[in-house]
């Protein structure tokens, strides 16, 4: 397992994205800053994806809440 991936396709995609993020090979500082910026953005994106997956919205929430709460209220 590498970069959290189970298949080579994911690694190849990550490698391509990193190469595109680096943008230049003329300056090590510019390359490092570009890679750091990409990693920060990628990390934020992964956190948002995880957060979206961990929050499940009850599809019945918009229905009649009174009927749904009746068993809890004992009425």
PDB file of N, CA and C in Angstrom:
ATOM      1  N   UNK A   1       0.849  -1.175   0.000  1.00  0.00           N
ATOM      2  CA  UNK A   1       0.000   0.000   0.000  1.00  0.00           C
ATOM      3  C   UNK A   1       0.892   1.234   0.000  1.00  0.00           C
ATOM      4  N   UNK A   2       0.586   2.197  -0.857  1.00  0.00           N
ATOM      5  CA  UNK A   2       1.390   3.391  -0.998  1.00  0.00           C
ATOM      6  C   UNK A   2       0.466   4.577  -1.205  1.00  0.00           C
ATOM      7  N   UNK A   3       0.674   5.655  -0.486  1.00  0.00           N
ATOM      8  CA  UNK A   3      -0.176   6.855  -0.560  1.00  0.00           C
ATOM      9  C   UNK A   3      -1.643   6.519  -0.303  1.00  0.00           C
ATOM     10  N   UNK A   4      -1.895   5.514   0.501  1.00  0.00           N
ATOM     11  CA  UNK A   4      -3.267   5.139   0.823  1.00  0.00           C
ATOM     12  C   UNK A   4      -3.995   4.425  -0.300  1.00  0.00           C
ATOM     13  N   UNK A   5      -3.274   3.971  -1.316  1.00  0.00           N
ATOM     14  CA  UNK A   5      -3.907   3.345  -2.475  1.00  0.00           C
ATOM     15  C   UNK A   5      -3.682   1.839  -2.459  1.00  0.00           C
ATOM     16  N   UNK A   6      -4.645   1.137  -3.026  1.00  0.00           N
ATOM     17  CA  UNK A   6      -4.553  -0.319  -3.109  1.00  0.00           C
ATOM     18  C   UNK A   6      -4.221  -0.788  -4.526  1.00  0.00           C
ATOM     19  N   UNK A   7      -4.322   0.102  -5.511  1.00  0.00           N
ATOM     20  CA  UNK A   7      -4.055  -0.290  -6.892  1.00  0.00           C
ATOM     21  C   UNK A   7      -3.052   0.662  -7.526  1.00  0.00           C
ATOM     22  N   UNK A   8      -2.417   0.224  -8.600  1.00  0.00           N
ATOM     23  CA  UNK A   8      -1.449   1.079  -9.281  1.00  0.00           C
ATOM     24  C   UNK A   8      -2.124   2.261  -9.959  1.00  0.00           C
ATOM     25  N   UNK A   9      -3.374   2.119 -10.331  1.00  0.00           N
ATOM     26  CA  UNK A   9      -4.085   3.219 -10.984  1.00  0.00           C
ATOM     27  C   UNK A   9      -4.136   4.446 -10.072  1.00  0.00           C
ATOM     28  N   UNK A  10      -4.376   4.224  -8.783  1.00  0.00           N
ATOM     29  CA  UNK A  10      -4.427   5.342  -7.838  1.00  0.00           C
ATOM     30  C   UNK A  10      -3.055   5.997  -7.709  1.00  0.00           C
ATOM     31  N   UNK A  11      -2.012   5.186  -7.689  1.00  0.00           N
ATOM     32  CA  UNK A  11      -0.653   5.715  -7.580  1.00  0.00           C
ATOM     33  C   UNK A  11      -0.300   6.513  -8.824  1.00  0.00           C
ATOM     34  N   UNK A  12      -0.642   5.989  -9.985  1.00  0.00           N
ATOM     35  CA  UNK A  12      -0.345   6.695 -11.229  1.00  0.00           C
ATOM     36  C   UNK A  12      -1.082   8.025 -11.283  1.00  0.00           C
ATOM     37  N   UNK A  13      -2.323   8.044 -10.806  1.00  0.00           N
ATOM     38  CA  UNK A  13      -3.083   9.294 -10.765  1.00  0.00           C
ATOM     39  C   UNK A  13      -2.463  10.295  -9.810  1.00  0.00           C
ATOM     40  N   UNK A  14      -2.036   9.822  -8.647  1.00  0.00           N
ATOM     41  CA  UNK A  14      -1.387  10.702  -7.667  1.00  0.00           C
ATOM     42  C   UNK A  14      -0.060  11.220  -8.220  1.00  0.00           C
ATOM     43  N   UNK A  15       0.692  10.349  -8.870  1.00  0.00           N
ATOM     44  CA  UNK A  15       1.977  10.749  -9.454  1.00  0.00           C
ATOM     45  C   UNK A  15       1.775  11.829 -10.512  1.00  0.00           C
ATOM     46  N   UNK A  16       0.785  11.661 -11.351  1.00  0.00           N
ATOM     47  CA  UNK A  16       0.483  12.653 -12.382  1.00  0.00           C
ATOM     48  C   UNK A  16       0.074  13.983 -11.756  1.00  0.00           C
ATOM     49  N   UNK A  17      -0.765  13.926 -10.721  1.00  0.00           N
ATOM     50  CA  UNK A  17      -1.211  15.155 -10.053  1.00  0.00           C
ATOM     51  C   UNK A  17      -0.040  15.876  -9.393  1.00  0.00           C
ATOM     52  N   UNK A  18       0.866  15.118  -8.799  1.00  0.00           N
ATOM     53  CA  UNK A  18       2.040  15.728  -8.165  1.00  0.00           C
ATOM     54  C   UNK A  18       2.933  16.377  -9.217  1.00  0.00           C
ATOM     55  N   UNK A  19       3.141  15.696 -10.341  1.00  0.00           N
ATOM     56  CA  UNK A  19       3.954  16.275 -11.413  1.00  0.00           C
ATOM     57  C   UNK A  19       3.335  17.566 -11.929  1.00  0.00           C
ATOM     58  N   UNK A  20       2.004  17.592 -12.060  1.00  0.00           N
ATOM     59  CA  UNK A  20       1.337  18.809 -12.508  1.00  0.00           C
ATOM     60  C   UNK A  20       1.425  19.908 -11.456  1.00  0.00           C
ATOM     61  N   UNK A  21       1.402  19.547 -10.184  1.00  0.00           N
ATOM     62  CA  UNK A  21       1.466  20.533  -9.109  1.00  0.00           C
ATOM     63  C   UNK A  21       2.835  21.192  -9.032  1.00  0.00           C
ATOM     64  N   UNK A  22       3.874  20.440  -9.347  1.00  0.00           N
ATOM     65  CA  UNK A  22       5.232  20.983  -9.240  1.00  0.00           C
ATOM     66  C   UNK A  22       5.449  22.102 -10.256  1.00  0.00           C
ATOM     67  N   UNK A  23       4.886  22.005 -11.423  1.00  0.00           N
ATOM     68  CA  UNK A  23       4.849  23.049 -12.452  1.00  0.00           C
ATOM     69  C   UNK A  23       6.197  23.361 -13.103  1.00  0.00           C
ATOM     70  N   UNK A  24       7.280  23.317 -12.355  1.00  0.00           N
ATOM     71  CA  UNK A  24       8.562  23.714 -12.912  1.00  0.00           C
ATOM     72  C   UNK A  24       9.686  22.869 -12.327  1.00  0.00           C
ATOM     73  N   UNK A  25      10.754  22.777 -13.069  1.00  0.00           N
ATOM     74  CA  UNK A  25      11.922  22.070 -12.547  1.00  0.00           C
ATOM     75  C   UNK A  25      13.124  23.009 -12.460  1.00  0.00           C
ATOM     76  N   UNK A  26      12.886  24.300 -12.664  1.00  0.00           N
ATOM     77  CA  UNK A  26      13.992  25.262 -12.672  1.00  0.00           C
ATOM     78  C   UNK A  26      14.482  25.615 -11.273  1.00  0.00           C
ATOM     79  N   UNK A  27      13.588  25.614 -10.312  1.00  0.00           N
ATOM     80  CA  UNK A  27      13.972  26.030  -8.970  1.00  0.00           C
ATOM     81  C   UNK A  27      13.461  25.030  -7.942  1.00  0.00           C
ATOM     82  N   UNK A  28      14.356  24.567  -7.101  1.00  0.00           N
ATOM     83  CA  UNK A  28      13.966  23.632  -6.060  1.00  0.00           C
ATOM     84  C   UNK A  28      12.976  24.284  -5.093  1.00  0.00           C
ATOM     85  N   UNK A  29      13.180  25.566  -4.797  1.00  0.00           N
ATOM     86  CA  UNK A  29      12.282  26.280  -3.884  1.00  0.00           C
ATOM     87  C   UNK A  29      10.882  26.376  -4.465  1.00  0.00           C
ATOM     88  N   UNK A  30      10.789  26.728  -5.749  1.00  0.00           N
ATOM     89  CA  UNK A  30       9.472  26.823  -6.391  1.00  0.00           C
ATOM     90  C   UNK A  30       8.799  25.457  -6.441  1.00  0.00           C
ATOM     91  N   UNK A  31       9.575  24.442  -6.751  1.00  0.00           N
ATOM     92  CA  UNK A  31       9.015  23.088  -6.796  1.00  0.00           C
ATOM     93  C   UNK A  31       8.518  22.669  -5.425  1.00  0.00           C
ATOM     94  N   UNK A  32       9.314  22.940  -4.394  1.00  0.00           N
ATOM     95  CA  UNK A  32       8.918  22.579  -3.038  1.00  0.00           C
ATOM     96  C   UNK A  32       7.649  23.318  -2.628  1.00  0.00           C
ATOM     97  N   UNK A  33       7.588  24.624  -2.901  1.00  0.00           N
ATOM     98  CA  UNK A  33       6.403  25.412  -2.538  1.00  0.00           C
ATOM     99  C   UNK A  33       5.161  24.936  -3.282  1.00  0.00           C
ATOM    100  N   UNK A  34       5.318  24.606  -4.547  1.00  0.00           N
ATOM    101  CA  UNK A  34       4.182  24.094  -5.320  1.00  0.00           C
ATOM    102  C   UNK A  34       3.703  22.759  -4.771  1.00  0.00           C
ATOM    103  N   UNK A  35       4.646  21.887  -4.451  1.00  0.00           N
ATOM    104  CA  UNK A  35       4.290  20.579  -3.902  1.00  0.00           C
ATOM    105  C   UNK A  35       3.641  20.728  -2.528  1.00  0.00           C
ATOM    106  N   UNK A  36       4.158  21.621  -1.701  1.00  0.00           N
ATOM    107  CA  UNK A  36       3.575  21.862  -0.379  1.00  0.00           C
ATOM    108  C   UNK A  36       2.147  22.380  -0.507  1.00  0.00           C
ATOM    109  N   UNK A  37       1.924  23.313  -1.412  1.00  0.00           N
ATOM    110  CA  UNK A  37       0.578  23.862  -1.640  1.00  0.00           C
ATOM    111  C   UNK A  37      -0.375  22.756  -2.108  1.00  0.00           C
ATOM    112  N   UNK A  38       0.098  21.904  -3.023  1.00  0.00           N
ATOM    113  CA  UNK A  38      -0.742  20.807  -3.515  1.00  0.00           C
ATOM    114  C   UNK A  38      -1.080  19.833  -2.399  1.00  0.00           C
ATOM    115  N   UNK A  39      -0.084  19.476  -1.577  1.00  0.00           N
ATOM    116  CA  UNK A  39      -0.324  18.539  -0.483  1.00  0.00           C
ATOM    117  C   UNK A  39      -1.333  19.097   0.520  1.00  0.00           C
ATOM    118  N   UNK A  40      -1.233  20.379   0.831  1.00  0.00           N
ATOM    119  CA  UNK A  40      -2.191  21.000   1.760  1.00  0.00           C
ATOM    120  C   UNK A  40      -3.603  20.962   1.187  1.00  0.00           C
ATOM    121  N   UNK A  41      -3.740  21.308  -0.079  1.00  0.00           N
ATOM    122  CA  UNK A  41      -5.062  21.282  -0.715  1.00  0.00           C
ATOM    123  C   UNK A  41      -5.603  19.859  -0.796  1.00  0.00           C
ATOM    124  N   UNK A  42      -4.738  18.913  -1.132  1.00  0.00           N
ATOM    125  CA  UNK A  42      -5.146  17.510  -1.228  1.00  0.00           C
ATOM    126  C   UNK A  42      -5.601  16.995   0.137  1.00  0.00           C
ATOM    127  N   UNK A  43      -4.878  17.378   1.174  1.00  0.00           N
ATOM    128  CA  UNK A  43      -5.240  16.959   2.530  1.00  0.00           C
ATOM    129  C   UNK A  43      -6.605  17.527   2.923  1.00  0.00           C
ATOM    130  N   UNK A  44      -6.839  18.807   2.629  1.00  0.00           N
ATOM    131  CA  UNK A  44      -8.135  19.422   2.933  1.00  0.00           C
ATOM    132  C   UNK A  44      -9.264  18.723   2.179  1.00  0.00           C
ATOM    133  N   UNK A  45      -9.002  18.394   0.916  1.00  0.00           N
ATOM    134  CA  UNK A  45     -10.006  17.705   0.105  1.00  0.00           C
ATOM    135  C   UNK A  45     -10.342  16.340   0.699  1.00  0.00           C
ATOM    136  N   UNK A  46      -9.324  15.613   1.132  1.00  0.00           N
ATOM    137  CA  UNK A  46      -9.552  14.291   1.737  1.00  0.00           C
ATOM    138  C   UNK A  46     -10.333  14.407   3.042  1.00  0.00           C
ATOM    139  N   UNK A  47     -10.035  15.434   3.844  1.00  0.00           N
ATOM    140  CA  UNK A  47     -10.772  15.640   5.089  1.00  0.00           C
ATOM    141  C   UNK A  47     -12.242  15.921   4.811  1.00  0.00           C
ATOM    142  N   UNK A  48     -12.506  16.738   3.797  1.00  0.00           N
ATOM    143  CA  UNK A  48     -13.894  17.044   3.444  1.00  0.00           C
ATOM    144  C   UNK A  48     -14.615  15.803   2.936  1.00  0.00           C
ATOM    145  N   UNK A  49     -13.931  14.983   2.144  1.00  0.00           N
ATOM    146  CA  UNK A  49     -14.547  13.747   1.666  1.00  0.00           C
ATOM    147  C   UNK A  49     -14.872  12.824   2.829  1.00  0.00           C
ATOM    148  N   UNK A  50     -13.962  12.705   3.772  1.00  0.00           N
ATOM    149  CA  UNK A  50     -14.187  11.851   4.938  1.00  0.00           C
ATOM    150  C   UNK A  50     -15.346  12.390   5.769  1.00  0.00           C
ATOM    151  N   UNK A  51     -15.370  13.717   5.948  1.00  0.00           N
ATOM    152  CA  UNK A  51     -16.444  14.330   6.728  1.00  0.00           C
ATOM    153  C   UNK A  51     -17.796  14.103   6.067  1.00  0.00           C
ATOM    154  N   UNK A  52     -17.850  14.246   4.752  1.00  0.00           N
ATOM    155  CA  UNK A  52     -19.110  14.035   4.038  1.00  0.00           C
ATOM    156  C   UNK A  52     -19.576  12.587   4.143  1.00  0.00           C
ATOM    157  N   UNK A  53     -18.644  11.651   4.145  1.00  0.00           N
ATOM    158  CA  UNK A  53     -19.016  10.242   4.260  1.00  0.00           C
ATOM    159  C   UNK A  53     -19.455   9.890   5.671  1.00  0.00           C
ATOM    160  N   UNK A  54     -18.899  10.581   6.667  1.00  0.00           N
ATOM    161  CA  UNK A  54     -19.204  10.236   8.054  1.00  0.00           C
ATOM    162  C   UNK A  54     -20.502  10.868   8.542  1.00  0.00           C
ATOM    163  N   UNK A  55     -20.999  11.870   7.819  1.00  0.00           N
ATOM    164  CA  UNK A  55     -22.250  12.521   8.216  1.00  0.00           C
ATOM    165  C   UNK A  55     -23.365  11.968   7.344  1.00  0.00           C
ATOM    166  N   UNK A  56     -24.253  11.240   7.953  1.00  0.00           N
ATOM    167  CA  UNK A  56     -25.391  10.696   7.223  1.00  0.00           C
ATOM    168  C   UNK A  56     -26.628  11.491   7.601  1.00  0.00           C
ATOM    169  N   UNK A  57     -27.314  11.986   6.613  1.00  0.00           N
ATOM    170  CA  UNK A  57     -28.535  12.737   6.844  1.00  0.00           C
ATOM    171  C   UNK A  57     -29.708  11.779   6.734  1.00  0.00           C
ATOM    172  N   UNK A  58     -30.539  11.808   7.737  1.00  0.00           N
ATOM    173  CA  UNK A  58     -31.714  10.944   7.766  1.00  0.00           C
ATOM    174  C   UNK A  58     -32.658  11.358   6.643  1.00  0.00           C
ATOM    175  N   UNK A  59     -32.924  10.484   5.672  1.00  0.00           N
ATOM    176  CA  UNK A  59     -33.803  10.856   4.559  1.00  0.00           C
ATOM    177  C   UNK A  59     -35.238  11.096   5.006  1.00  0.00           C
ATOM    178  N   UNK A  60     -35.602  10.616   6.171  1.00  0.00           N
ATOM    179  CA  UNK A  60     -36.964  10.816   6.660  1.00  0.00           C
ATOM    180  C   UNK A  60     -37.108  12.111   7.454  1.00  0.00           C
ATOM    181  N   UNK A  61     -36.042  12.869   7.578  1.00  0.00           N
ATOM    182  CA  UNK A  61     -36.058  14.068   8.399  1.00  0.00           C
ATOM    183  C   UNK A  61     -37.097  15.077   7.931  1.00  0.00           C
ATOM    184  N   UNK A  62     -37.348  15.144   6.650  1.00  0.00           N
ATOM    185  CA  UNK A  62     -38.297  16.125   6.146  1.00  0.00           C
ATOM    186  C   UNK A  62     -39.740  15.652   6.252  1.00  0.00           C
ATOM    187  N   UNK A  63     -39.951  14.398   6.608  1.00  0.00           N
ATOM    188  CA  UNK A  63     -41.309  13.890   6.744  1.00  0.00           C
ATOM    189  C   UNK A  63     -41.905  14.342   8.066  1.00  0.00           C
ATOM    190  N   UNK A  64     -43.047  13.857   8.368  1.00  0.00           N
ATOM    191  CA  UNK A  64     -43.778  14.271   9.558  1.00  0.00           C
ATOM    192  C   UNK A  64     -43.006  13.899  10.829  1.00  0.00           C
ATOM    193  N   UNK A  65     -42.303  14.870  11.388  1.00  0.00           N
ATOM    194  CA  UNK A  65     -41.491  14.618  12.580  1.00  0.00           C
ATOM    195  C   UNK A  65     -42.344  14.241  13.786  1.00  0.00           C
ATOM    196  N   UNK A  66     -43.560  14.735  13.826  1.00  0.00           N
ATOM    197  CA  UNK A  66     -44.435  14.441  14.967  1.00  0.00           C
ATOM    198  C   UNK A  66     -44.689  12.934  15.061  1.00  0.00           C
ATOM    199  N   UNK A  67     -44.974  12.300  13.939  1.00  0.00           N
ATOM    200  CA  UNK A  67     -45.213  10.854  13.926  1.00  0.00           C
ATOM    201  C   UNK A  67     -43.944  10.074  14.268  1.00  0.00           C
ATOM    202  N   UNK A  68     -42.809  10.570  13.831  1.00  0.00           N
ATOM    203  CA  UNK A  68     -41.552   9.891  14.105  1.00  0.00           C
ATOM    204  C   UNK A  68     -41.172   9.985  15.575  1.00  0.00           C
ATOM    205  N   UNK A  69     -41.542  11.079  16.222  1.00  0.00           N
ATOM    206  CA  UNK A  69     -41.186  11.273  17.625  1.00  0.00           C
ATOM    207  C   UNK A  69     -42.190  10.652  18.587  1.00  0.00           C
ATOM    208  N   UNK A  70     -43.346  10.278  18.087  1.00  0.00           N
ATOM    209  CA  UNK A  70     -44.403   9.743  18.949  1.00  0.00           C
ATOM    210  C   UNK A  70     -43.913   8.594  19.842  1.00  0.00           C
ATOM    211  N   UNK A  71     -43.178   7.586  19.322  1.00  0.00           N
ATOM    212  CA  UNK A  71     -42.714   6.503  20.207  1.00  0.00           C
ATOM    213  C   UNK A  71     -41.778   7.003  21.314  1.00  0.00           C
ATOM    214  N   UNK A  72     -41.013   8.013  21.026  1.00  0.00           N
ATOM    215  CA  UNK A  72     -40.094   8.540  22.031  1.00  0.00           C
ATOM    216  C   UNK A  72     -40.820   9.351  23.100  1.00  0.00           C
ATOM    217  N   UNK A  73     -41.900  10.001  22.691  1.00  0.00           N
ATOM    218  CA  UNK A  73     -42.648  10.837  23.628  1.00  0.00           C
ATOM    219  C   UNK A  73     -43.645  10.032  24.447  1.00  0.00           C
ATOM    220  N   UNK A  74     -43.886   8.802  24.053  1.00  0.00           N
ATOM    221  CA  UNK A  74     -44.818   7.953  24.788  1.00  0.00           C
ATOM    222  C   UNK A  74     -46.265   8.318  24.560  1.00  0.00           C
ATOM    223  N   UNK A  75     -46.572   8.913  23.454  1.00  0.00           N
ATOM    224  CA  UNK A  75     -47.961   9.304  23.148  1.00  0.00           C
ATOM    225  C   UNK A  75     -48.485   8.506  21.985  1.00  0.00           C
TER     226      UNK A  75
END
